[in-house]
Amino acid sequence: MSGKKIVIALGGNALQPAGEELSAETQLRALEKTCRSLSEICALGYRIVIVHGNGPQIGRIVQVEEEAEPWTSPMPFDVCGAMSQGYIGYQLQQMLDNENLLRGIDVPVSTVITQVVVDRDDPAFLHPTKPIGAFYSPCAARRLAAEKGYEMAEDSGRGWRRVVPSPRPIKIVELDSIRELSEKGVVIACGGGGVPIIEGSAHGYRGIPAVIDKDHAARLLADELDADILLILTGVEQVCLDYNTEKQKALSRLDPAQAEKYIEEGQFAPGSMLPKVRSAVDFVRNKPGRKAVITSLDRALDALNGTAGTVFEG
């Protein structure tokens, strides 16, 4: 394959329509739209590697496992993460294959169940912040904390949820396989940020209960593959200052120094726009000539053509 290599980070709206409850039907409907856009990018000759989120999906898997506990032993959290990679990857593969077939594009699509190494001493393990799964009453939350050792936290007035650490990714175990496959077709990898693992123990790798931010994983993967473009797709067309206020201002371009200033000012929400901006800045800063773009799924093609989104260049 020829053409520029692009790593695409798919936000939650790519897998679940905004404002709708997650279900098999709504996810498939969202993926149909997503894969139409991805196929249009394939048609332009880009070499594509896709990273997707899995927050609602892994939450659903964990919830089902917990509810089945009286009858069967639940799967470990890291296994649930791998399960989400498998079934989301399967659906993306199949739908993108179908869309490409309609356009006469003969490009193989593969999914790699990906392990991502994190630092066992990452400060995130001391302060779990990533909410997962169902909402509970205060009483039920206390019971789960006592019985299972879960960290529980109140979530925006909606109830109590389990929270897990969100450490930074430092190494992609299946990188060589991803690189080889990306030379021949589309690859779906680091789904949900990858399955977090630690290494260095007597038994080698070991999975841990944590969630890696998929934007940070996409940045690391784009770095390691020496991609030309990191395209981060989310629910808004452009990065904004003073978001959701009367002073809101959309940004069409950002250089790393400007972005760092806005990060220090607290302009970008943690767990939302902040990891996207941070990932974009880190990607373009590491090597001249690279480009990162943050935009919405329906403006992806326009963003690649330079007429939409927020562009980051070093």
C-alpha atoms as a PDB file:
ATOM      1  CA  MET A   1       0.000   0.000   0.000  1.00  0.00           C
ATOM      2  CA  SER A   2       1.076   3.576  -0.605  1.00  0.00           C
ATOM      3  CA  GLY A   3      -0.099   6.913   0.716  1.00  0.00           C
ATOM      4  CA  LYS A   4       0.147   8.690   4.013  1.00  0.00           C
ATOM      5  CA  LYS A   5      -0.270   6.668   7.197  1.00  0.00           C
ATOM      6  CA  ILE A   6      -3.007   7.942   9.496  1.00  0.00           C
ATOM      7  CA  VAL A   7      -3.957   6.769  12.981  1.00  0.00           C
ATOM      8  CA  ILE A   8      -7.624   7.472  13.709  1.00  0.00           C
ATOM      9  CA  ALA A   9      -8.905   7.632  17.294  1.00  0.00           C
ATOM     10  CA  LEU A  10     -12.658   7.018  17.326  1.00  0.00           C
ATOM     11  CA  GLY A  11     -14.609   8.697  20.123  1.00  0.00           C
ATOM     12  CA  GLY A  12     -17.646   7.294  21.878  1.00  0.00           C
ATOM     13  CA  ASN A  13     -20.085   8.785  19.369  1.00  0.00           C
ATOM     14  CA  ALA A  14     -18.572   6.507  16.722  1.00  0.00           C
ATOM     15  CA  LEU A  15     -19.915   3.494  18.625  1.00  0.00           C
ATOM     16  CA  GLN A  16     -23.018   4.936  20.259  1.00  0.00           C
ATOM     17  CA  PRO A  17     -25.375   7.613  18.884  1.00  0.00           C
ATOM     18  CA  ALA A  18     -25.378  10.757  21.051  1.00  0.00           C
ATOM     19  CA  GLY A  19     -28.125  10.766  23.654  1.00  0.00           C
ATOM     20  CA  GLU A  20     -29.138   7.139  23.054  1.00  0.00           C
ATOM     21  CA  GLU A  21     -28.863   4.149  25.351  1.00  0.00           C
ATOM     22  CA  LEU A  22     -26.206   1.635  24.370  1.00  0.00           C
ATOM     23  CA  SER A  23     -27.685  -1.498  22.842  1.00  0.00           C
ATOM     24  CA  ALA A  24     -26.763  -3.935  20.101  1.00  0.00           C
ATOM     25  CA  GLU A  25     -29.033  -2.048  17.691  1.00  0.00           C
ATOM     26  CA  THR A  26     -27.798   1.469  18.485  1.00  0.00           C
ATOM     27  CA  GLN A  27     -24.161   0.383  18.315  1.00  0.00           C
ATOM     28  CA  LEU A  28     -24.629  -1.218  14.911  1.00  0.00           C
ATOM     29  CA  ARG A  29     -26.413   1.885  13.631  1.00  0.00           C
ATOM     30  CA  ALA A  30     -23.576   4.111  14.844  1.00  0.00           C
ATOM     31  CA  LEU A  31     -20.949   1.812  13.341  1.00  0.00           C
ATOM     32  CA  GLU A  32     -22.651   1.883   9.936  1.00  0.00           C
ATOM     33  CA  LYS A  33     -22.234   5.660   9.825  1.00  0.00           C
ATOM     34  CA  THR A  34     -18.690   5.431  11.180  1.00  0.00           C
ATOM     35  CA  CYS A  35     -17.593   2.865   8.605  1.00  0.00           C
ATOM     36  CA  ARG A  36     -19.011   4.915   5.744  1.00  0.00           C
ATOM     37  CA  SER A  37     -16.702   7.742   6.804  1.00  0.00           C
ATOM     38  CA  LEU A  38     -13.750   5.390   7.279  1.00  0.00           C
ATOM     39  CA  SER A  39     -14.316   3.859   3.850  1.00  0.00           C
ATOM     40  CA  GLU A  40     -14.305   7.324   2.279  1.00  0.00           C
ATOM     41  CA  ILE A  41     -10.879   7.894   3.858  1.00  0.00           C
ATOM     42  CA  CYS A  42      -9.690   4.512   2.533  1.00  0.00           C
ATOM     43  CA  ALA A  43     -10.822   5.579  -0.942  1.00  0.00           C
ATOM     44  CA  LEU A  44      -8.422   8.537  -0.784  1.00  0.00           C
ATOM     45  CA  GLY A  45      -5.473   6.153  -0.476  1.00  0.00           C
ATOM     46  CA  TYR A  46      -4.599   6.689   3.179  1.00  0.00           C
ATOM     47  CA  ARG A  47      -3.100   3.772   5.106  1.00  0.00           C
ATOM     48  CA  ILE A  48      -5.374   3.573   8.141  1.00  0.00           C
ATOM     49  CA  VAL A  49      -4.894   2.288  11.673  1.00  0.00           C
ATOM     50  CA  ILE A  50      -7.958   2.600  13.910  1.00  0.00           C
ATOM     51  CA  VAL A  51      -8.098   2.960  17.694  1.00  0.00           C
ATOM     52  CA  HIS A  52     -11.530   2.958  19.346  1.00  0.00           C
ATOM     53  CA  GLY A  53     -12.941   3.582  22.801  1.00  0.00           C
ATOM     54  CA  ASN A  54     -14.796   0.965  24.866  1.00  0.00           C
ATOM     55  CA  GLY A  55     -16.096   2.722  27.995  1.00  0.00           C
ATOM     56  CA  PRO A  56     -19.815   1.804  27.815  1.00  0.00           C
ATOM     57  CA  GLN A  57     -19.027  -1.588  26.296  1.00  0.00           C
ATOM     58  CA  ILE A  58     -16.595  -2.766  28.976  1.00  0.00           C
ATOM     59  CA  GLY A  59     -18.973  -1.391  31.592  1.00  0.00           C
ATOM     60  CA  ARG A  60     -21.752  -3.540  30.172  1.00  0.00           C
ATOM     61  CA  ILE A  61     -19.534  -6.638  30.095  1.00  0.00           C
ATOM     62  CA  VAL A  62     -18.399  -6.116  33.694  1.00  0.00           C
ATOM     63  CA  GLN A  63     -21.996  -5.596  34.825  1.00  0.00           C
ATOM     64  CA  VAL A  64     -23.156  -8.822  33.167  1.00  0.00           C
ATOM     65  CA  GLU A  65     -20.260 -10.704  34.746  1.00  0.00           C
ATOM     66  CA  GLU A  66     -21.105  -9.331  38.191  1.00  0.00           C
ATOM     67  CA  GLU A  67     -24.811 -10.164  37.876  1.00  0.00           C
ATOM     68  CA  ALA A  68     -23.939 -13.751  36.899  1.00  0.00           C
ATOM     69  CA  GLU A  69     -21.648 -14.185  39.931  1.00  0.00           C
ATOM     70  CA  PRO A  70     -23.994 -16.350  42.019  1.00  0.00           C
ATOM     71  CA  TRP A  71     -23.880 -18.953  39.236  1.00  0.00           C
ATOM     72  CA  THR A  72     -20.402 -18.526  37.818  1.00  0.00           C
ATOM     73  CA  SER A  73     -17.083 -16.952  38.651  1.00  0.00           C
ATOM     74  CA  PRO A  74     -16.756 -13.526  36.966  1.00  0.00           C
ATOM     75  CA  MET A  75     -14.034 -12.851  34.415  1.00  0.00           C
ATOM     76  CA  PRO A  76     -11.123 -10.645  35.545  1.00  0.00           C
ATOM     77  CA  PHE A  77     -11.338  -6.994  34.504  1.00  0.00           C
ATOM     78  CA  ASP A  78      -8.488  -7.241  31.993  1.00  0.00           C
ATOM     79  CA  VAL A  79     -10.222 -10.184  30.302  1.00  0.00           C
ATOM     80  CA  CYS A  80     -13.383  -8.087  30.015  1.00  0.00           C
ATOM     81  CA  GLY A  81     -11.289  -5.439  28.266  1.00  0.00           C
ATOM     82  CA  ALA A  82      -9.986  -8.001  25.788  1.00  0.00           C
ATOM     83  CA  MET A  83     -13.551  -9.210  25.189  1.00  0.00           C
ATOM     84  CA  SER A  84     -14.628  -5.675  24.312  1.00  0.00           C
ATOM     85  CA  GLN A  85     -11.721  -5.350  21.863  1.00  0.00           C
ATOM     86  CA  GLY A  86     -12.769  -8.565  20.173  1.00  0.00           C
ATOM     87  CA  TYR A  87     -16.430  -7.871  19.622  1.00  0.00           C
ATOM     88  CA  ILE A  88     -16.053  -4.176  18.704  1.00  0.00           C
ATOM     89  CA  GLY A  89     -13.188  -5.056  16.370  1.00  0.00           C
ATOM     90  CA  TYR A  90     -15.280  -7.779  14.733  1.00  0.00           C
ATOM     91  CA  GLN A  91     -18.136  -5.382  14.044  1.00  0.00           C
ATOM     92  CA  LEU A  92     -15.813  -2.667  12.719  1.00  0.00           C
ATOM     93  CA  GLN A  93     -14.029  -5.203  10.496  1.00  0.00           C
ATOM     94  CA  GLN A  94     -17.200  -6.551   8.999  1.00  0.00           C
ATOM     95  CA  MET A  95     -18.894  -3.217   8.378  1.00  0.00           C
ATOM     96  CA  LEU A  96     -15.786  -1.581   6.954  1.00  0.00           C
ATOM     97  CA  ASP A  97     -15.266  -4.586   4.668  1.00  0.00           C
ATOM     98  CA  ASN A  98     -18.876  -4.189   3.478  1.00  0.00           C
ATOM     99  CA  GLU A  99     -18.507  -0.457   2.850  1.00  0.00           C
ATOM    100  CA  ASN A 100     -15.229  -0.964   1.004  1.00  0.00           C
ATOM    101  CA  LEU A 101     -16.823  -3.668  -1.121  1.00  0.00           C
ATOM    102  CA  LEU A 102     -19.531  -1.219  -2.226  1.00  0.00           C
ATOM    103  CA  ARG A 103     -16.809   1.217  -3.317  1.00  0.00           C
ATOM    104  CA  GLY A 104     -14.703  -1.419  -5.057  1.00  0.00           C
ATOM    105  CA  ILE A 105     -11.882  -1.049  -2.507  1.00  0.00           C
ATOM    106  CA  ASP A 106      -9.914  -4.278  -2.084  1.00  0.00           C
ATOM    107  CA  VAL A 107      -8.148  -3.721   1.250  1.00  0.00           C
ATOM    108  CA  PRO A 108      -7.951  -6.324   4.045  1.00  0.00           C
ATOM    109  CA  VAL A 109      -9.157  -5.270   7.504  1.00  0.00           C
ATOM    110  CA  SER A 110      -7.692  -6.909  10.619  1.00  0.00           C
ATOM    111  CA  THR A 111      -8.166  -6.600  14.366  1.00  0.00           C
ATOM    112  CA  VAL A 112      -5.275  -7.103  16.781  1.00  0.00           C
ATOM    113  CA  ILE A 113      -6.140  -7.790  20.425  1.00  0.00           C
ATOM    114  CA  THR A 114      -3.573  -5.462  21.930  1.00  0.00           C
ATOM    115  CA  GLN A 115      -1.754  -5.478  25.257  1.00  0.00           C
ATOM    116  CA  VAL A 116      -0.308  -2.154  26.412  1.00  0.00           C
ATOM    117  CA  VAL A 117       2.329  -1.932  29.126  1.00  0.00           C
ATOM    118  CA  VAL A 118       1.904   0.650  31.885  1.00  0.00           C
ATOM    119  CA  ASP A 119       4.194   1.606  34.750  1.00  0.00           C
ATOM    120  CA  ARG A 120       3.310  -0.243  37.947  1.00  0.00           C
ATOM    121  CA  ASP A 121       4.369   2.931  39.812  1.00  0.00           C
ATOM    122  CA  ASP A 122       2.168   5.277  37.774  1.00  0.00           C
ATOM    123  CA  PRO A 123       0.538   7.784  40.203  1.00  0.00           C
ATOM    124  CA  ALA A 124      -2.845   6.957  38.647  1.00  0.00           C
ATOM    125  CA  PHE A 125      -2.921   3.743  40.693  1.00  0.00           C
ATOM    126  CA  LEU A 126      -3.093   5.805  43.870  1.00  0.00           C
ATOM    127  CA  HIS A 127      -6.065   7.833  42.622  1.00  0.00           C
ATOM    128  CA  PRO A 128      -8.538   5.784  40.540  1.00  0.00           C
ATOM    129  CA  THR A 129     -10.736   8.155  38.522  1.00  0.00           C
ATOM    130  CA  LYS A 130     -12.220   6.249  35.564  1.00  0.00           C
ATOM    131  CA  PRO A 131     -15.896   5.323  36.215  1.00  0.00           C
ATOM    132  CA  ILE A 132     -16.966   1.915  34.941  1.00  0.00           C
ATOM    133  CA  GLY A 133     -20.261   0.063  34.839  1.00  0.00           C
ATOM    134  CA  ALA A 134     -23.584   0.569  36.560  1.00  0.00           C
ATOM    135  CA  PHE A 135     -24.743   3.222  39.013  1.00  0.00           C
ATOM    136  CA  TYR A 136     -25.370   2.165  42.618  1.00  0.00           C
ATOM    137  CA  SER A 137     -27.007   3.573  45.716  1.00  0.00           C
ATOM    138  CA  PRO A 138     -24.671   4.648  48.541  1.00  0.00           C
ATOM    139  CA  CYS A 139     -25.603   1.500  50.465  1.00  0.00           C
ATOM    140  CA  ALA A 140     -24.903  -0.817  47.528  1.00  0.00           C
ATOM    141  CA  ALA A 141     -21.645   1.018  46.818  1.00  0.00           C
ATOM    142  CA  ARG A 142     -20.457   0.481  50.400  1.00  0.00           C
ATOM    143  CA  ARG A 143     -21.328  -3.210  50.147  1.00  0.00           C
ATOM    144  CA  LEU A 144     -19.343  -3.629  46.909  1.00  0.00           C
ATOM    145  CA  ALA A 145     -16.374  -1.801  48.390  1.00  0.00           C
ATOM    146  CA  ALA A 146     -16.418  -4.075  51.439  1.00  0.00           C
ATOM    147  CA  GLU A 147     -17.051  -7.353  49.595  1.00  0.00           C
ATOM    148  CA  LYS A 148     -14.927  -6.892  46.486  1.00  0.00           C
ATOM    149  CA  GLY A 149     -12.450  -4.192  47.463  1.00  0.00           C
ATOM    150  CA  TYR A 150     -13.711  -1.877  44.713  1.00  0.00           C
ATOM    151  CA  GLU A 151     -12.976   1.817  44.776  1.00  0.00           C
ATOM    152  CA  MET A 152     -16.344   3.581  44.533  1.00  0.00           C
ATOM    153  CA  ALA A 153     -17.053   7.233  43.794  1.00  0.00           C
ATOM    154  CA  GLU A 154     -20.083   9.444  43.331  1.00  0.00           C
ATOM    155  CA  ASP A 155     -20.572  10.338  39.649  1.00  0.00           C
ATOM    156  CA  SER A 156     -22.079  13.750  38.861  1.00  0.00           C
ATOM    157  CA  GLY A 157     -25.108  13.340  41.103  1.00  0.00           C
ATOM    158  CA  ARG A 158     -26.280  10.248  39.200  1.00  0.00           C
ATOM    159  CA  GLY A 159     -25.198   7.632  41.729  1.00  0.00           C
ATOM    160  CA  TRP A 160     -22.107   5.727  42.801  1.00  0.00           C
ATOM    161  CA  ARG A 161     -19.905   3.791  40.378  1.00  0.00           C
ATOM    162  CA  ARG A 162     -16.790   1.696  40.465  1.00  0.00           C
ATOM    163  CA  VAL A 163     -13.681   3.671  39.517  1.00  0.00           C
ATOM    164  CA  VAL A 164     -10.420   2.218  38.227  1.00  0.00           C
ATOM    165  CA  PRO A 165      -7.006   3.778  37.526  1.00  0.00           C
ATOM    166  CA  SER A 166      -6.194   5.310  34.140  1.00  0.00           C
ATOM    167  CA  PRO A 167      -2.395   4.998  33.766  1.00  0.00           C
ATOM    168  CA  ARG A 168      -0.409   6.310  30.800  1.00  0.00           C
ATOM    169  CA  PRO A 169       0.641   3.789  28.126  1.00  0.00           C
ATOM    170  CA  ILE A 170       4.376   3.196  27.683  1.00  0.00           C
ATOM    171  CA  LYS A 171       4.743   0.202  25.313  1.00  0.00           C
ATOM    172  CA  ILE A 172       2.580  -1.673  22.812  1.00  0.00           C
ATOM    173  CA  VAL A 173       3.347  -5.385  22.963  1.00  0.00           C
ATOM    174  CA  GLU A 174       1.940  -6.321  19.536  1.00  0.00           C
ATOM    175  CA  LEU A 175       3.545  -3.358  17.764  1.00  0.00           C
ATOM    176  CA  ASP A 176       5.507  -5.423  15.231  1.00  0.00           C
ATOM    177  CA  SER A 177       2.382  -7.294  14.151  1.00  0.00           C
ATOM    178  CA  ILE A 178       0.405  -4.063  13.856  1.00  0.00           C
ATOM    179  CA  ARG A 179       3.169  -2.456  11.809  1.00  0.00           C
ATOM    180  CA  GLU A 180       3.366  -5.388   9.390  1.00  0.00           C
ATOM    181  CA  LEU A 181      -0.396  -5.581   8.932  1.00  0.00           C
ATOM    182  CA  SER A 182      -0.634  -1.820   8.406  1.00  0.00           C
ATOM    183  CA  GLU A 183       1.589  -2.117   5.342  1.00  0.00           C
ATOM    184  CA  LYS A 184      -0.999  -4.386   3.716  1.00  0.00           C
ATOM    185  CA  GLY A 185      -4.373  -3.043   4.869  1.00  0.00           C
ATOM    186  CA  VAL A 186      -6.462  -1.449   7.600  1.00  0.00           C
ATOM    187  CA  VAL A 187      -5.685  -2.420  11.189  1.00  0.00           C
ATOM    188  CA  ILE A 188      -7.881  -2.024  14.272  1.00  0.00           C
ATOM    189  CA  ALA A 189      -5.631  -2.001  17.335  1.00  0.00           C
ATOM    190  CA  CYS A 190      -5.307  -0.716  20.911  1.00  0.00           C
ATOM    191  CA  GLY A 191      -9.079  -0.954  21.276  1.00  0.00           C
ATOM    192  CA  GLY A 192     -10.244   0.826  24.427  1.00  0.00           C
ATOM    193  CA  GLY A 193      -6.655   2.007  24.864  1.00  0.00           C
ATOM    194  CA  GLY A 194      -5.437  -1.594  24.916  1.00  0.00           C
ATOM    195  CA  VAL A 195      -5.527  -4.144  27.736  1.00  0.00           C
ATOM    196  CA  PRO A 196      -3.362  -2.622  30.508  1.00  0.00           C
ATOM    197  CA  ILE A 197      -0.589  -4.912  31.672  1.00  0.00           C
ATOM    198  CA  ILE A 198       2.528  -4.618  33.797  1.00  0.00           C
ATOM    199  CA  GLU A 199       5.785  -6.413  33.186  1.00  0.00           C
ATOM    200  CA  GLY A 200       8.888  -7.336  35.106  1.00  0.00           C
ATOM    201  CA  SER A 201       7.407  -9.892  37.453  1.00  0.00           C
ATOM    202  CA  ALA A 202       8.687 -13.470  37.667  1.00  0.00           C
ATOM    203  CA  HIS A 203       5.790 -14.530  35.441  1.00  0.00           C
ATOM    204  CA  GLY A 204       6.252 -11.912  32.696  1.00  0.00           C
ATOM    205  CA  TYR A 205       3.219  -9.861  31.724  1.00  0.00           C
ATOM    206  CA  ARG A 206       0.193  -9.573  33.998  1.00  0.00           C
ATOM    207  CA  GLY A 207      -3.137  -7.898  33.308  1.00  0.00           C
ATOM    208  CA  ILE A 208      -4.444  -5.342  35.779  1.00  0.00           C
ATOM    209  CA  PRO A 209      -7.833  -3.694  36.480  1.00  0.00           C
ATOM    210  CA  ALA A 210      -7.392  -0.326  34.779  1.00  0.00           C
ATOM    211  CA  VAL A 211      -8.430   1.600  31.658  1.00  0.00           C
ATOM    212  CA  ILE A 212      -5.981   3.403  29.375  1.00  0.00           C
ATOM    213  CA  ASP A 213      -7.274   6.540  27.683  1.00  0.00           C
ATOM    214  CA  LYS A 214      -7.679   5.648  24.014  1.00  0.00           C
ATOM    215  CA  ASP A 215      -6.377   9.058  22.844  1.00  0.00           C
ATOM    216  CA  HIS A 216      -3.099   8.539  24.710  1.00  0.00           C
ATOM    217  CA  ALA A 217      -2.853   5.023  23.270  1.00  0.00           C
ATOM    218  CA  ALA A 218      -3.533   6.354  19.771  1.00  0.00           C
ATOM    219  CA  ARG A 219      -0.770   8.943  20.176  1.00  0.00           C
ATOM    220  CA  LEU A 220       1.713   6.287  21.308  1.00  0.00           C
ATOM    221  CA  LEU A 221       0.737   4.021  18.420  1.00  0.00           C
ATOM    222  CA  ALA A 222       1.012   6.890  15.922  1.00  0.00           C
ATOM    223  CA  ASP A 223       4.466   7.697  17.305  1.00  0.00           C
ATOM    224  CA  GLU A 224       5.668   4.100  17.066  1.00  0.00           C
ATOM    225  CA  LEU A 225       4.315   3.645  13.532  1.00  0.00           C
ATOM    226  CA  ASP A 226       5.801   7.000  12.476  1.00  0.00           C
ATOM    227  CA  ALA A 227       2.379   8.046  11.186  1.00  0.00           C
ATOM    228  CA  ASP A 228       1.972  11.221   9.172  1.00  0.00           C
ATOM    229  CA  ILE A 229      -1.360  12.212  10.746  1.00  0.00           C
ATOM    230  CA  LEU A 230      -3.142  11.603  14.040  1.00  0.00           C
ATOM    231  CA  LEU A 231      -6.872  12.160  13.516  1.00  0.00           C
ATOM    232  CA  ILE A 232      -8.892  12.329  16.740  1.00  0.00           C
ATOM    233  CA  LEU A 233     -12.640  12.115  16.112  1.00  0.00           C
ATOM    234  CA  THR A 234     -15.015  13.311  18.799  1.00  0.00           C
ATOM    235  CA  GLY A 235     -18.454  14.907  19.240  1.00  0.00           C
ATOM    236  CA  VAL A 236     -17.523  18.484  18.269  1.00  0.00           C
ATOM    237  CA  GLU A 237     -16.118  19.950  15.068  1.00  0.00           C
ATOM    238  CA  GLN A 238     -13.374  22.023  16.688  1.00  0.00           C
ATOM    239  CA  VAL A 239     -11.550  22.536  19.971  1.00  0.00           C
ATOM    240  CA  CYS A 240     -13.056  25.519  21.774  1.00  0.00           C
ATOM    241  CA  LEU A 241     -11.966  27.965  24.427  1.00  0.00           C
ATOM    242  CA  ASP A 242     -14.489  28.755  27.184  1.00  0.00           C
ATOM    243  CA  TYR A 243     -16.566  25.792  26.010  1.00  0.00           C
ATOM    244  CA  ASN A 244     -20.318  25.993  26.644  1.00  0.00           C
ATOM    245  CA  THR A 245     -20.178  29.633  27.752  1.00  0.00           C
ATOM    246  CA  GLU A 246     -21.170  32.887  26.093  1.00  0.00           C
ATOM    247  CA  LYS A 247     -17.484  33.475  25.331  1.00  0.00           C
ATOM    248  CA  GLN A 248     -17.006  30.168  23.514  1.00  0.00           C
ATOM    249  CA  LYS A 249     -14.463  30.480  20.703  1.00  0.00           C
ATOM    250  CA  ALA A 250     -13.630  27.758  18.185  1.00  0.00           C
ATOM    251  CA  LEU A 251      -9.988  27.252  17.221  1.00  0.00           C
ATOM    252  CA  SER A 252      -8.966  26.268  13.698  1.00  0.00           C
ATOM    253  CA  ARG A 253      -5.231  25.961  14.476  1.00  0.00           C
ATOM    254  CA  LEU A 254      -3.097  25.424  17.576  1.00  0.00           C
ATOM    255  CA  ASP A 255       0.647  25.203  17.973  1.00  0.00           C
ATOM    256  CA  PRO A 256       2.126  23.300  20.934  1.00  0.00           C
ATOM    257  CA  ALA A 257       3.047  26.452  22.875  1.00  0.00           C
ATOM    258  CA  GLN A 258      -0.468  27.894  22.597  1.00  0.00           C
ATOM    259  CA  ALA A 259      -2.024  24.574  23.549  1.00  0.00           C
ATOM    260  CA  GLU A 260       0.206  24.243  26.629  1.00  0.00           C
ATOM    261  CA  LYS A 261      -0.865  27.717  27.743  1.00  0.00           C
ATOM    262  CA  TYR A 262      -4.537  26.825  27.441  1.00  0.00           C
ATOM    263  CA  ILE A 263      -3.962  23.523  29.253  1.00  0.00           C
ATOM    264  CA  GLU A 264      -2.358  25.401  32.164  1.00  0.00           C
ATOM    265  CA  GLU A 265      -5.363  27.732  32.244  1.00  0.00           C
ATOM    266  CA  GLY A 266      -7.685  24.735  32.627  1.00  0.00           C
ATOM    267  CA  GLN A 267      -9.490  25.337  29.335  1.00  0.00           C
ATOM    268  CA  PHE A 268      -9.976  21.650  28.534  1.00  0.00           C
ATOM    269  CA  ALA A 269     -12.011  19.240  30.630  1.00  0.00           C
ATOM    270  CA  PRO A 270     -10.162  16.219  32.108  1.00  0.00           C
ATOM    271  CA  GLY A 271     -11.468  12.951  30.698  1.00  0.00           C
ATOM    272  CA  SER A 272     -12.948  14.801  27.722  1.00  0.00           C
ATOM    273  CA  MET A 273     -11.062  17.324  25.577  1.00  0.00           C
ATOM    274  CA  LEU A 274      -7.891  17.445  27.691  1.00  0.00           C
ATOM    275  CA  PRO A 275      -6.468  14.014  26.705  1.00  0.00           C
ATOM    276  CA  LYS A 276      -7.246  14.771  23.054  1.00  0.00           C
ATOM    277  CA  VAL A 277      -5.376  18.086  23.091  1.00  0.00           C
ATOM    278  CA  ARG A 278      -2.545  16.578  25.148  1.00  0.00           C
ATOM    279  CA  SER A 279      -2.192  13.689  22.687  1.00  0.00           C
ATOM    280  CA  ALA A 280      -2.250  15.995  19.666  1.00  0.00           C
ATOM    281  CA  VAL A 281       0.427  18.245  21.174  1.00  0.00           C
ATOM    282  CA  ASP A 282       2.686  15.326  22.122  1.00  0.00           C
ATOM    283  CA  PHE A 283       2.389  13.808  18.650  1.00  0.00           C
ATOM    284  CA  VAL A 284       3.351  16.887  16.637  1.00  0.00           C
ATOM    285  CA  ARG A 285       6.048  17.966  19.076  1.00  0.00           C
ATOM    286  CA  ASN A 286       7.980  14.711  18.719  1.00  0.00           C
ATOM    287  CA  LYS A 287       8.811  15.125  15.021  1.00  0.00           C
ATOM    288  CA  PRO A 288       8.598  18.035  12.531  1.00  0.00           C
ATOM    289  CA  GLY A 289       6.224  17.642   9.586  1.00  0.00           C
ATOM    290  CA  ARG A 290       3.586  15.730  11.469  1.00  0.00           C
ATOM    291  CA  LYS A 291      -0.017  16.880  11.788  1.00  0.00           C
ATOM    292  CA  ALA A 292      -2.758  16.154  14.317  1.00  0.00           C
ATOM    293  CA  VAL A 293      -6.406  17.072  13.830  1.00  0.00           C
ATOM    294  CA  ILE A 294      -9.315  17.060  16.271  1.00  0.00           C
ATOM    295  CA  THR A 295     -12.768  17.146  14.706  1.00  0.00           C
ATOM    296  CA  SER A 296     -16.118  15.375  14.475  1.00  0.00           C
ATOM    297  CA  LEU A 297     -16.759  12.168  12.570  1.00  0.00           C
ATOM    298  CA  ASP A 298     -18.945  13.858   9.950  1.00  0.00           C
ATOM    299  CA  ARG A 299     -16.244  16.453   9.201  1.00  0.00           C
ATOM    300  CA  ALA A 300     -13.338  14.004   9.027  1.00  0.00           C
ATOM    301  CA  LEU A 301     -12.841  14.293   5.257  1.00  0.00           C
ATOM    302  CA  ASP A 302     -13.077  18.080   5.384  1.00  0.00           C
ATOM    303  CA  ALA A 303     -10.542  18.102   8.209  1.00  0.00           C
ATOM    304  CA  LEU A 304      -8.085  16.047   6.174  1.00  0.00           C
ATOM    305  CA  ASN A 305      -8.546  18.537   3.361  1.00  0.00           C
ATOM    306  CA  GLY A 306      -7.826  21.435   5.733  1.00  0.00           C
ATOM    307  CA  THR A 307     -11.312  22.960   5.796  1.00  0.00           C
ATOM    308  CA  ALA A 308     -12.574  21.772   9.193  1.00  0.00           C
ATOM    309  CA  GLY A 309     -11.403  20.772  12.647  1.00  0.00           C
ATOM    310  CA  THR A 310      -8.567  22.050  14.799  1.00  0.00           C
ATOM    311  CA  VAL A 311      -5.135  21.449  13.273  1.00  0.00           C
ATOM    312  CA  PHE A 312      -1.987  21.013  15.369  1.00  0.00           C
ATOM    313  CA  GLU A 313       1.398  21.382  13.717  1.00  0.00           C
ATOM    314  CA  GLY A 314       4.813  21.641  15.338  1.00  0.00           C
END
